Amino acid sequence: MAKQDRVSDRQRVPQPLLKHRLPSGRGAMEQPNATSDGDVSLSPSFWIAIVVTGAAAGLFGAGLMALLFEVQRLAFGYHAGSYLAAVERSSDTRRLVTLVLAGVIGGVAWFALSRVSKGPKADLEDAVWNGKGEVPVRRSAYNAVVSEVVVGMGASIGREAAPRLMGGVSGSLASQWLRLTPAQRRLVVACGGGAGLAAVYNVPLSGALFTAEVLCGTLALPYVLPALLCSGVATAVSWIYLPNVASYADIPAYHPSASLFVWSLLIGPIVGLLASFYVRLIGWVSYYRATGVWTLFAPVGACGLLGLLGFTYPQLFGNGKDVAHFAFLGEGGLVLLFAVFALKPLVTAMMLGSGATGGLLTPLLCTGALLGGFLGLAWLHLWSGSPVGAFAMVGAAAMIGASMQAPLVGLALVLELTHSGFQLMVPMVCATVIATAVVRYVDGYSIYSARLPRLG
């Protein structure tokens, strides 16, 4: 056994500096996450690519958020504080006209892109999972800019898809420049995608976990180390423009209770079943999304319908960040929480089906927070003990973890986005584990695998 362990250590890549083993004779590689680098050699050029990718992802993230905020200012007079408050201060006519204009801009832009660009789709996940880690530069940049403009004008899609995509582009370019192998390139592109997410939300740990858990499917050390470095560099660089604060500020330090713990066990299967439906819905509209000449008109119709719904529920505008914030603070009544929870996934799916490109992270978080707040508020009539905001945080973590099939990402995101919730870790873990397991056994698709383009 001792001889086998020594042989195993000699085969490790990279070679350890200390050649002599411990007196026990056991090998360091017996810890599964500390095995060799495998196909991805962590060479000096690889680490240079990781740092360059992280820095570029941070710059792209800051630039895209600057564009988003400027569009929000022009569209609704938004300057600081709550974007939803600026939307609500605007007249119904201004909201409707702005959204219809967003549909026109998006429709014309995406139709033009389909005519002038016949290359590979700008799809980060497909490039990492099934390709060589090559992300088209011009198509991706074009999609990223148009997506942020449409989101800033009120479309119900997430803002993180563009910086994730440009982070992947950064990794692709850095890998080509340094002539990395396809395996190295895929990992660098994956790290860039997680770094883009980390930069715009100030969540370096969540960005690294997104890279490892979602894009790479492993928490082995050779994957986690570059993911952490890339996300950390991107987040630090983004502070050039973006503030180093929690995305959801002033969330109280909620404490667990027996009521909340029992509720979290009951809510897990409900969140899992609803997440399965949501994932299927997104997969269906992604496959049947508008193409060809319909790309010109479908975004206008989708944005116009969203504008009409906004007469009653302006909370549907945008990616849902402010609505989730209100839920975390325990605000909103039963009717409002349920209505926006039920409509938000539908209008987001409608936008994606119209041909729009955008993210799903914040819409997912918003949906989970509203569901948790609604069911928590109803539960408090049976068993009091915790504030409504605590239920919303548990629901948000469970919905993200289940829909992404990434429970660690779901938990880390809620903690980093709010800088709170650590006391709620046990009920959040219970609800997230149950919800994620339900999705895994009921269907198995995640919000990302369901959106993959048609083969061929």
Protein backbone atom coordinates (compact mmCIF):
# COMPACT_ATOMS: atom_id res chain seq x y z
CA MET A 1 0.00 0.00 0.00
CA ALA A 2 2.78 2.42 0.93
CA LYS A 3 4.51 1.72 -2.37
CA GLN A 4 1.31 2.34 -4.31
CA ASP A 5 0.77 5.62 -2.49
CA ARG A 6 4.29 6.78 -3.32
CA VAL A 7 3.76 5.91 -6.96
CA SER A 8 0.49 7.80 -6.89
CA ASP A 9 2.23 10.86 -5.48
CA ARG A 10 4.96 10.69 -8.14
CA GLN A 11 2.25 10.73 -10.82
CA ARG A 12 0.59 13.83 -9.46
CA VAL A 13 0.60 16.92 -11.67
CA PRO A 14 2.06 19.25 -10.64
CA GLN A 15 4.75 17.46 -8.67
CA PRO A 16 4.85 18.40 -4.96
CA LEU A 17 7.97 20.25 -3.84
CA LEU A 18 8.36 18.00 -0.79
CA LYS A 19 9.23 14.57 -2.13
CA HIS A 20 9.26 12.73 1.21
CA ARG A 21 5.90 11.47 2.41
CA LEU A 22 4.57 11.57 5.94
CA PRO A 23 5.67 8.74 8.27
CA SER A 24 2.30 7.06 7.72
CA GLY A 25 3.22 6.48 4.09
CA ARG A 26 -0.22 7.56 2.94
CA GLY A 27 -0.51 9.63 -0.21
CA ALA A 28 -1.69 13.23 -0.38
CA MET A 29 -3.88 12.34 -3.36
CA GLU A 30 -6.16 10.24 -1.18
CA GLN A 31 -8.14 13.43 -0.61
CA PRO A 32 -10.34 13.37 -3.74
CA ASN A 33 -10.36 17.12 -4.47
CA ALA A 34 -6.53 17.32 -4.35
CA THR A 35 -5.87 14.94 -7.24
CA SER A 36 -3.92 15.81 -10.36
CA ASP A 37 -4.92 18.61 -12.69
CA GLY A 38 -6.18 16.07 -15.22
CA ASP A 39 -6.83 17.45 -18.70
CA VAL A 40 -6.48 21.06 -17.51
CA SER A 41 -2.83 21.81 -16.86
CA LEU A 42 -2.57 24.75 -14.48
CA SER A 43 0.48 26.15 -16.24
CA PRO A 44 1.87 29.68 -15.81
CA SER A 45 0.18 30.78 -19.05
CA PHE A 46 -3.12 29.41 -17.74
CA TRP A 47 -2.85 31.52 -14.57
CA ILE A 48 -2.04 34.61 -16.65
CA ALA A 49 -5.19 33.93 -18.68
CA ILE A 50 -7.23 33.67 -15.48
CA VAL A 51 -6.01 37.03 -14.15
CA VAL A 52 -6.48 38.76 -17.52
CA THR A 53 -9.96 37.25 -17.86
CA GLY A 54 -10.94 38.36 -14.37
CA ALA A 55 -9.77 41.92 -14.97
CA ALA A 56 -11.55 42.11 -18.32
CA ALA A 57 -14.74 40.62 -16.86
CA GLY A 58 -14.70 43.26 -14.12
CA LEU A 59 -14.27 46.06 -16.66
CA PHE A 60 -17.00 44.69 -18.92
CA GLY A 61 -19.31 44.27 -15.93
CA ALA A 62 -18.76 47.85 -14.78
CA GLY A 63 -19.21 49.19 -18.30
CA LEU A 64 -22.43 47.27 -18.93
CA MET A 65 -23.87 48.40 -15.60
CA ALA A 66 -22.99 52.00 -16.45
CA LEU A 67 -24.92 51.56 -19.69
CA LEU A 68 -27.85 49.99 -17.83
CA PHE A 69 -28.06 52.82 -15.27
CA GLU A 70 -27.89 55.48 -18.00
CA VAL A 71 -30.74 53.81 -19.89
CA GLN A 72 -32.78 53.63 -16.67
CA ARG A 73 -32.14 57.34 -16.08
CA LEU A 74 -33.29 58.28 -19.56
CA ALA A 75 -36.28 55.94 -19.49
CA PHE A 76 -37.73 56.68 -16.04
CA GLY A 77 -35.62 59.42 -14.48
CA TYR A 78 -33.89 56.91 -12.22
CA HIS A 79 -30.84 58.25 -10.37
CA ALA A 80 -30.39 56.32 -7.12
CA GLY A 81 -32.26 54.19 -4.63
CA SER A 82 -35.14 52.07 -5.87
CA TYR A 83 -35.58 51.62 -9.62
CA LEU A 84 -39.15 50.46 -8.97
CA ALA A 85 -39.93 53.74 -7.20
CA ALA A 86 -38.84 55.64 -10.32
CA VAL A 87 -41.01 53.39 -12.47
CA GLU A 88 -44.02 53.91 -10.21
CA ARG A 89 -43.55 57.69 -10.29
CA SER A 90 -43.81 57.60 -14.09
CA SER A 91 -47.20 57.81 -15.74
CA ASP A 92 -48.89 54.77 -17.27
CA THR A 93 -48.43 56.33 -20.70
CA ARG A 94 -44.69 56.84 -20.23
CA ARG A 95 -44.24 53.28 -18.99
CA LEU A 96 -46.17 51.82 -21.93
CA VAL A 97 -44.43 53.97 -24.55
CA THR A 98 -41.01 53.19 -23.05
CA LEU A 99 -41.63 49.46 -23.11
CA VAL A 100 -42.99 49.48 -26.65
CA LEU A 101 -39.92 51.45 -27.72
CA ALA A 102 -37.76 48.83 -25.99
CA GLY A 103 -39.53 46.17 -28.04
CA VAL A 104 -38.89 48.12 -31.24
CA ILE A 105 -35.20 48.60 -30.42
CA GLY A 106 -34.75 44.97 -29.43
CA GLY A 107 -36.74 43.60 -32.36
CA VAL A 108 -34.86 45.60 -34.99
CA ALA A 109 -31.48 44.87 -33.36
CA TRP A 110 -31.99 41.12 -33.02
CA PHE A 111 -33.50 40.84 -36.50
CA ALA A 112 -30.53 42.68 -37.95
CA LEU A 113 -28.16 40.43 -36.04
CA SER A 114 -29.83 37.31 -37.45
CA ARG A 115 -29.30 38.69 -40.97
CA VAL A 116 -25.68 39.82 -40.76
CA SER A 117 -24.27 37.15 -38.42
CA LYS A 118 -24.50 33.52 -39.47
CA GLY A 119 -21.83 32.23 -37.13
CA PRO A 120 -22.20 30.22 -33.90
CA LYS A 121 -24.70 31.37 -31.32
CA ALA A 122 -23.46 33.47 -28.42
CA ASP A 123 -24.10 30.77 -25.82
CA LEU A 124 -21.67 30.50 -22.91
CA GLU A 125 -22.99 27.20 -21.48
CA ASP A 126 -22.90 25.40 -24.84
CA ALA A 127 -19.35 26.63 -25.48
CA VAL A 128 -18.20 25.17 -22.14
CA TRP A 129 -20.23 21.96 -22.06
CA ASN A 130 -20.23 20.88 -25.69
CA GLY A 131 -17.74 23.07 -27.54
CA LYS A 132 -14.11 24.12 -27.45
CA GLY A 133 -14.63 27.17 -25.27
CA GLU A 134 -14.88 29.52 -28.25
CA VAL A 135 -17.36 32.36 -27.75
CA PRO A 136 -18.03 34.67 -30.73
CA VAL A 137 -16.83 38.18 -29.92
CA ARG A 138 -18.91 40.51 -32.10
CA ARG A 139 -22.17 38.61 -31.76
CA SER A 140 -21.74 38.40 -27.99
CA ALA A 141 -20.91 42.09 -27.59
CA TYR A 142 -23.86 43.07 -29.78
CA ASN A 143 -26.24 40.85 -27.78
CA ALA A 144 -24.87 42.12 -24.47
CA VAL A 145 -25.41 45.80 -25.31
CA VAL A 146 -28.91 45.29 -26.71
CA SER A 147 -29.89 43.14 -23.73
CA GLU A 148 -28.83 45.78 -21.19
CA VAL A 149 -30.66 48.53 -23.10
CA VAL A 150 -33.90 46.52 -23.17
CA VAL A 151 -33.59 45.55 -19.49
CA GLY A 152 -32.96 49.17 -18.55
CA MET A 153 -36.16 50.17 -20.33
CA GLY A 154 -38.18 47.77 -18.20
CA ALA A 155 -38.15 44.35 -19.90
CA SER A 156 -38.67 41.48 -17.46
CA ILE A 157 -35.34 39.68 -17.92
CA GLY A 158 -32.17 39.55 -15.87
CA ARG A 159 -29.21 41.88 -16.30
CA GLU A 160 -26.48 39.32 -15.50
CA ALA A 161 -26.54 37.40 -18.80
CA ALA A 162 -24.63 40.15 -20.64
CA PRO A 163 -21.70 40.44 -18.17
CA ARG A 164 -21.51 36.64 -17.89
CA LEU A 165 -21.32 36.38 -21.66
CA MET A 166 -18.67 39.09 -21.94
CA GLY A 167 -16.70 37.41 -19.17
CA GLY A 168 -16.75 34.27 -21.30
CA VAL A 169 -15.63 36.29 -24.33
CA SER A 170 -12.73 37.63 -22.26
CA GLY A 171 -11.70 34.09 -21.38
CA SER A 172 -11.98 32.96 -24.98
CA LEU A 173 -9.79 35.80 -26.25
CA ALA A 174 -7.21 35.40 -23.47
CA SER A 175 -7.00 31.66 -24.17
CA GLN A 176 -6.43 32.24 -27.89
CA TRP A 177 -3.80 34.86 -27.17
CA LEU A 178 -1.89 32.52 -24.85
CA ARG A 179 -2.51 29.45 -27.07
CA LEU A 180 -4.09 27.33 -24.36
CA THR A 181 -5.41 23.83 -24.98
CA PRO A 182 -9.15 23.29 -25.57
CA ALA A 183 -9.54 21.90 -22.02
CA GLN A 184 -7.78 24.92 -20.54
CA ARG A 185 -9.83 27.25 -22.72
CA ARG A 186 -13.12 25.75 -21.54
CA LEU A 187 -12.14 26.26 -17.92
CA VAL A 188 -10.96 29.83 -18.50
CA VAL A 189 -14.21 30.66 -20.31
CA ALA A 190 -16.21 29.11 -17.48
CA CYS A 191 -14.24 31.16 -14.94
CA GLY A 192 -14.92 34.28 -17.01
CA GLY A 193 -18.65 33.57 -16.97
CA GLY A 194 -18.70 33.21 -13.20
CA ALA A 195 -16.51 36.30 -12.86
CA GLY A 196 -18.98 38.40 -14.87
CA LEU A 197 -21.73 37.37 -12.47
CA ALA A 198 -19.51 38.09 -9.48
CA ALA A 199 -18.57 41.55 -10.73
CA VAL A 200 -22.05 42.99 -11.28
CA TYR A 201 -23.54 41.65 -8.06
CA ASN A 202 -20.45 41.95 -5.81
CA VAL A 203 -20.58 38.21 -5.05
CA PRO A 204 -17.08 36.70 -5.57
CA LEU A 205 -17.83 33.46 -3.72
CA SER A 206 -21.10 32.90 -5.59
CA GLY A 207 -19.40 33.63 -8.90
CA ALA A 208 -16.73 31.03 -8.17
CA LEU A 209 -19.31 28.47 -7.06
CA PHE A 210 -21.34 29.17 -10.21
CA THR A 211 -18.25 28.36 -12.27
CA ALA A 212 -17.46 25.18 -10.35
CA GLU A 213 -20.92 23.82 -9.53
CA VAL A 214 -22.91 24.85 -12.62
CA LEU A 215 -20.45 25.27 -15.49
CA CYS A 216 -17.81 22.69 -14.51
CA GLY A 217 -19.81 20.31 -12.33
CA THR A 218 -17.03 19.73 -9.81
CA LEU A 219 -15.61 21.25 -6.66
CA ALA A 220 -12.16 19.74 -7.19
CA LEU A 221 -9.26 21.99 -6.22
CA PRO A 222 -7.89 22.52 -9.77
CA TYR A 223 -11.26 24.04 -10.71
CA VAL A 224 -12.12 25.92 -7.53
CA LEU A 225 -8.79 27.76 -7.26
CA PRO A 226 -8.90 29.45 -10.68
CA ALA A 227 -12.63 30.12 -10.28
CA LEU A 228 -12.05 31.93 -6.99
CA LEU A 229 -9.12 33.94 -8.34
CA CYS A 230 -10.99 34.99 -11.47
CA SER A 231 -14.13 36.04 -9.59
CA GLY A 232 -12.10 37.84 -6.93
CA VAL A 233 -10.13 39.83 -9.51
CA ALA A 234 -13.30 40.71 -11.44
CA THR A 235 -15.12 41.88 -8.33
CA ALA A 236 -12.21 44.05 -7.20
CA VAL A 237 -11.85 45.62 -10.66
CA SER A 238 -15.59 46.34 -10.84
CA TRP A 239 -15.24 48.56 -7.75
CA ILE A 240 -13.79 51.15 -10.12
CA TYR A 241 -17.42 52.01 -10.84
CA LEU A 242 -19.72 49.75 -8.83
CA PRO A 243 -20.04 50.14 -5.03
CA ASN A 244 -18.62 47.57 -2.64
CA VAL A 245 -21.92 47.06 -0.82
CA ALA A 246 -24.65 44.43 -0.60
CA SER A 247 -27.07 44.44 -3.53
CA TYR A 248 -29.93 44.14 -1.02
CA ALA A 249 -29.08 46.56 1.75
CA ASP A 250 -30.46 46.90 5.28
CA ILE A 251 -31.85 43.35 5.53
CA PRO A 252 -32.37 42.56 9.24
CA ALA A 253 -30.51 39.69 10.87
CA TYR A 254 -33.48 37.34 11.10
CA HIS A 255 -33.41 34.53 13.63
CA PRO A 256 -34.76 31.01 13.11
CA SER A 257 -37.78 29.61 14.92
CA ALA A 258 -39.55 26.29 15.20
CA SER A 259 -42.28 27.70 12.97
CA LEU A 260 -39.82 28.65 10.23
CA PHE A 261 -38.01 25.32 10.45
CA VAL A 262 -41.19 23.25 10.03
CA TRP A 263 -42.34 25.57 7.23
CA SER A 264 -39.03 25.13 5.39
CA LEU A 265 -39.55 21.34 5.36
CA LEU A 266 -43.03 21.77 3.91
CA ILE A 267 -42.08 24.43 1.38
CA GLY A 268 -39.26 22.40 -0.19
CA PRO A 269 -41.47 20.09 -2.31
CA ILE A 270 -43.70 23.01 -3.37
CA VAL A 271 -40.72 25.05 -4.55
CA GLY A 272 -39.30 22.00 -6.32
CA LEU A 273 -42.49 21.29 -8.26
CA LEU A 274 -42.93 24.95 -9.23
CA ALA A 275 -39.26 25.17 -10.25
CA SER A 276 -39.72 22.10 -12.47
CA PHE A 277 -42.64 23.82 -14.17
CA TYR A 278 -40.69 27.06 -14.56
CA VAL A 279 -37.68 25.27 -16.05
CA ARG A 280 -39.90 23.40 -18.50
CA LEU A 281 -41.62 26.64 -19.46
CA ILE A 282 -38.31 28.37 -20.14
CA GLY A 283 -37.08 25.38 -22.14
CA TRP A 284 -40.26 25.37 -24.23
CA VAL A 285 -40.22 29.09 -25.05
CA SER A 286 -36.48 28.94 -25.78
CA TYR A 287 -37.04 26.20 -28.36
CA TYR A 288 -40.06 27.88 -29.95
CA ARG A 289 -38.80 31.45 -29.62
CA ALA A 290 -39.54 33.89 -32.42
CA THR A 291 -37.24 33.64 -35.43
CA GLY A 292 -36.96 35.23 -38.83
CA VAL A 293 -39.21 38.17 -39.55
CA TRP A 294 -41.20 37.48 -36.39
CA THR A 295 -38.19 38.74 -34.44
CA LEU A 296 -39.14 42.23 -35.61
CA PHE A 297 -42.65 42.14 -34.15
CA ALA A 298 -42.69 39.66 -31.25
CA PRO A 299 -40.62 41.84 -28.84
CA VAL A 300 -42.94 44.79 -29.52
CA GLY A 301 -45.99 42.69 -28.68
CA ALA A 302 -44.38 41.19 -25.57
CA CYS A 303 -43.20 44.57 -24.28
CA GLY A 304 -46.56 46.15 -25.07
CA LEU A 305 -48.42 43.47 -23.09
CA LEU A 306 -45.99 43.91 -20.19
CA GLY A 307 -46.63 47.66 -20.33
CA LEU A 308 -50.40 47.08 -20.11
CA LEU A 309 -49.97 44.72 -17.15
CA GLY A 310 -47.82 47.43 -15.59
CA PHE A 311 -50.88 49.68 -15.29
CA THR A 312 -51.89 47.45 -12.38
CA TYR A 313 -48.59 45.85 -11.41
CA PRO A 314 -45.59 48.08 -12.19
CA GLN A 315 -43.62 45.66 -10.00
CA LEU A 316 -43.32 43.45 -13.10
CA PHE A 317 -40.97 45.93 -14.77
CA GLY A 318 -37.28 45.15 -14.86
CA ASN A 319 -35.46 42.12 -13.49
CA GLY A 320 -37.35 42.04 -10.17
CA LYS A 321 -34.52 43.19 -7.89
CA ASP A 322 -36.52 45.81 -6.00
CA VAL A 323 -39.54 43.54 -5.58
CA ALA A 324 -37.34 40.85 -4.05
CA HIS A 325 -35.83 43.51 -1.79
CA PHE A 326 -39.27 44.47 -0.51
CA ALA A 327 -40.05 40.81 0.15
CA PHE A 328 -36.79 40.40 2.11
CA LEU A 329 -37.85 43.39 4.22
CA GLY A 330 -41.22 41.76 4.87
CA GLU A 331 -43.26 44.28 2.88
CA GLY A 332 -46.35 43.60 0.73
CA GLY A 333 -49.70 41.96 1.35
CA LEU A 334 -51.00 38.54 0.38
CA VAL A 335 -52.69 39.66 -2.84
CA LEU A 336 -49.73 41.65 -4.16
CA LEU A 337 -47.18 38.95 -3.29
CA PHE A 338 -49.23 36.24 -4.97
CA ALA A 339 -50.08 38.29 -8.07
CA VAL A 340 -46.51 39.31 -8.83
CA PHE A 341 -45.21 35.81 -7.99
CA ALA A 342 -47.67 34.26 -10.45
CA LEU A 343 -47.11 36.81 -13.22
CA LYS A 344 -43.33 37.33 -13.04
CA PRO A 345 -42.33 33.92 -14.49
CA LEU A 346 -44.95 34.25 -17.23
CA VAL A 347 -43.86 37.70 -18.41
CA THR A 348 -40.19 36.67 -18.24
CA ALA A 349 -40.94 33.58 -20.35
CA MET A 350 -42.94 35.77 -22.73
CA MET A 351 -39.95 38.09 -23.19
CA LEU A 352 -37.58 35.20 -23.89
CA GLY A 353 -40.06 33.61 -26.28
CA SER A 354 -40.26 36.86 -28.22
CA GLY A 355 -36.57 36.52 -29.08
CA ALA A 356 -35.12 38.70 -26.31
CA THR A 357 -31.82 37.73 -24.74
CA GLY A 358 -31.28 38.12 -21.03
CA GLY A 359 -30.63 36.44 -17.73
CA LEU A 360 -32.83 34.56 -15.30
CA LEU A 361 -30.99 34.80 -11.99
CA THR A 362 -32.77 37.83 -10.52
CA PRO A 363 -36.20 36.85 -11.92
CA LEU A 364 -35.70 33.46 -10.25
CA LEU A 365 -34.64 35.05 -6.98
CA CYS A 366 -37.62 37.42 -7.17
CA THR A 367 -40.05 34.57 -7.83
CA GLY A 368 -38.70 32.54 -4.92
CA ALA A 369 -38.74 35.52 -2.55
CA LEU A 370 -42.34 36.39 -3.44
CA LEU A 371 -43.46 32.77 -3.11
CA GLY A 372 -41.72 32.49 0.25
CA GLY A 373 -43.23 35.77 1.43
CA PHE A 374 -46.73 34.79 0.29
CA LEU A 375 -46.69 31.30 1.82
CA GLY A 376 -44.91 32.59 4.92
CA LEU A 377 -47.51 35.29 5.46
CA ALA A 378 -50.27 32.69 5.13
CA TRP A 379 -48.38 30.32 7.48
CA LEU A 380 -48.12 32.99 10.16
CA HIS A 381 -51.90 32.84 10.54
CA LEU A 382 -51.41 29.24 11.69
CA TRP A 383 -48.13 29.47 13.59
CA SER A 384 -46.36 32.74 14.33
CA GLY A 385 -42.70 33.01 15.21
CA SER A 386 -40.70 34.58 12.38
CA PRO A 387 -40.91 37.77 10.28
CA VAL A 388 -42.18 37.50 6.71
CA GLY A 389 -38.77 38.53 5.37
CA ALA A 390 -37.20 35.35 6.79
CA PHE A 391 -39.63 33.21 4.81
CA ALA A 392 -38.81 35.20 1.67
CA MET A 393 -35.08 34.55 2.06
CA VAL A 394 -35.62 30.81 2.49
CA GLY A 395 -37.87 30.74 -0.57
CA ALA A 396 -35.34 32.66 -2.67
CA ALA A 397 -32.46 30.29 -1.83
CA ALA A 398 -34.58 27.22 -2.51
CA MET A 399 -35.87 28.52 -5.86
CA ILE A 400 -32.39 29.45 -7.15
CA GLY A 401 -30.80 26.20 -5.96
CA ALA A 402 -33.57 24.05 -7.42
CA SER A 403 -33.89 25.84 -10.75
CA MET A 404 -30.13 25.94 -11.31
CA GLN A 405 -29.62 22.44 -9.86
CA ALA A 406 -26.92 24.15 -7.82
CA PRO A 407 -27.81 24.28 -4.10
CA LEU A 408 -24.49 25.78 -3.01
CA VAL A 409 -24.90 28.63 -5.49
CA GLY A 410 -28.44 29.28 -4.25
CA LEU A 411 -27.36 29.48 -0.63
CA ALA A 412 -24.23 31.54 -1.28
CA LEU A 413 -26.08 34.02 -3.49
CA VAL A 414 -28.68 34.85 -0.85
CA LEU A 415 -25.99 35.29 1.80
CA GLU A 416 -23.73 37.47 -0.36
CA LEU A 417 -26.48 39.52 -1.96
CA THR A 418 -27.98 40.45 1.41
CA HIS A 419 -24.95 40.25 3.75
CA SER A 420 -27.47 38.63 6.07
CA GLY A 421 -29.24 35.31 6.56
CA PHE A 422 -26.46 33.38 8.27
CA GLN A 423 -28.74 32.66 11.22
CA LEU A 424 -31.26 31.17 8.79
CA MET A 425 -28.77 28.71 7.33
CA VAL A 426 -30.42 25.54 8.67
CA PRO A 427 -33.95 26.24 7.35
CA MET A 428 -32.46 27.55 4.08
CA VAL A 429 -30.42 24.36 3.68
CA CYS A 430 -33.44 22.16 4.40
CA ALA A 431 -35.70 23.90 1.89
CA THR A 432 -32.97 24.12 -0.77
CA VAL A 433 -31.93 20.47 -0.49
CA ILE A 434 -35.52 19.22 -0.70
CA ALA A 435 -36.45 21.53 -3.58
CA THR A 436 -33.29 20.67 -5.56
CA ALA A 437 -33.84 16.94 -5.02
CA VAL A 438 -37.45 17.22 -6.21
CA VAL A 439 -36.37 18.91 -9.45
CA ARG A 440 -33.62 16.33 -9.93
CA TYR A 441 -35.99 13.38 -9.59
CA VAL A 442 -39.03 14.91 -11.27
CA ASP A 443 -37.28 16.24 -14.38
CA GLY A 444 -33.53 16.85 -14.12
CA TYR A 445 -33.21 19.89 -16.37
CA SER A 446 -31.78 23.09 -14.99
CA ILE A 447 -32.62 26.61 -16.12
CA TYR A 448 -29.42 26.49 -18.19
CA SER A 449 -29.58 23.03 -19.74
CA ALA A 450 -33.22 23.66 -20.69
CA ARG A 451 -32.17 26.72 -22.74
CA LEU A 452 -29.47 25.01 -24.81
CA PRO A 453 -29.96 25.56 -28.54
CA ARG A 454 -31.22 22.86 -30.87
CA LEU A 455 -28.59 20.29 -31.82
CA GLY A 456 -27.25 20.90 -35.31
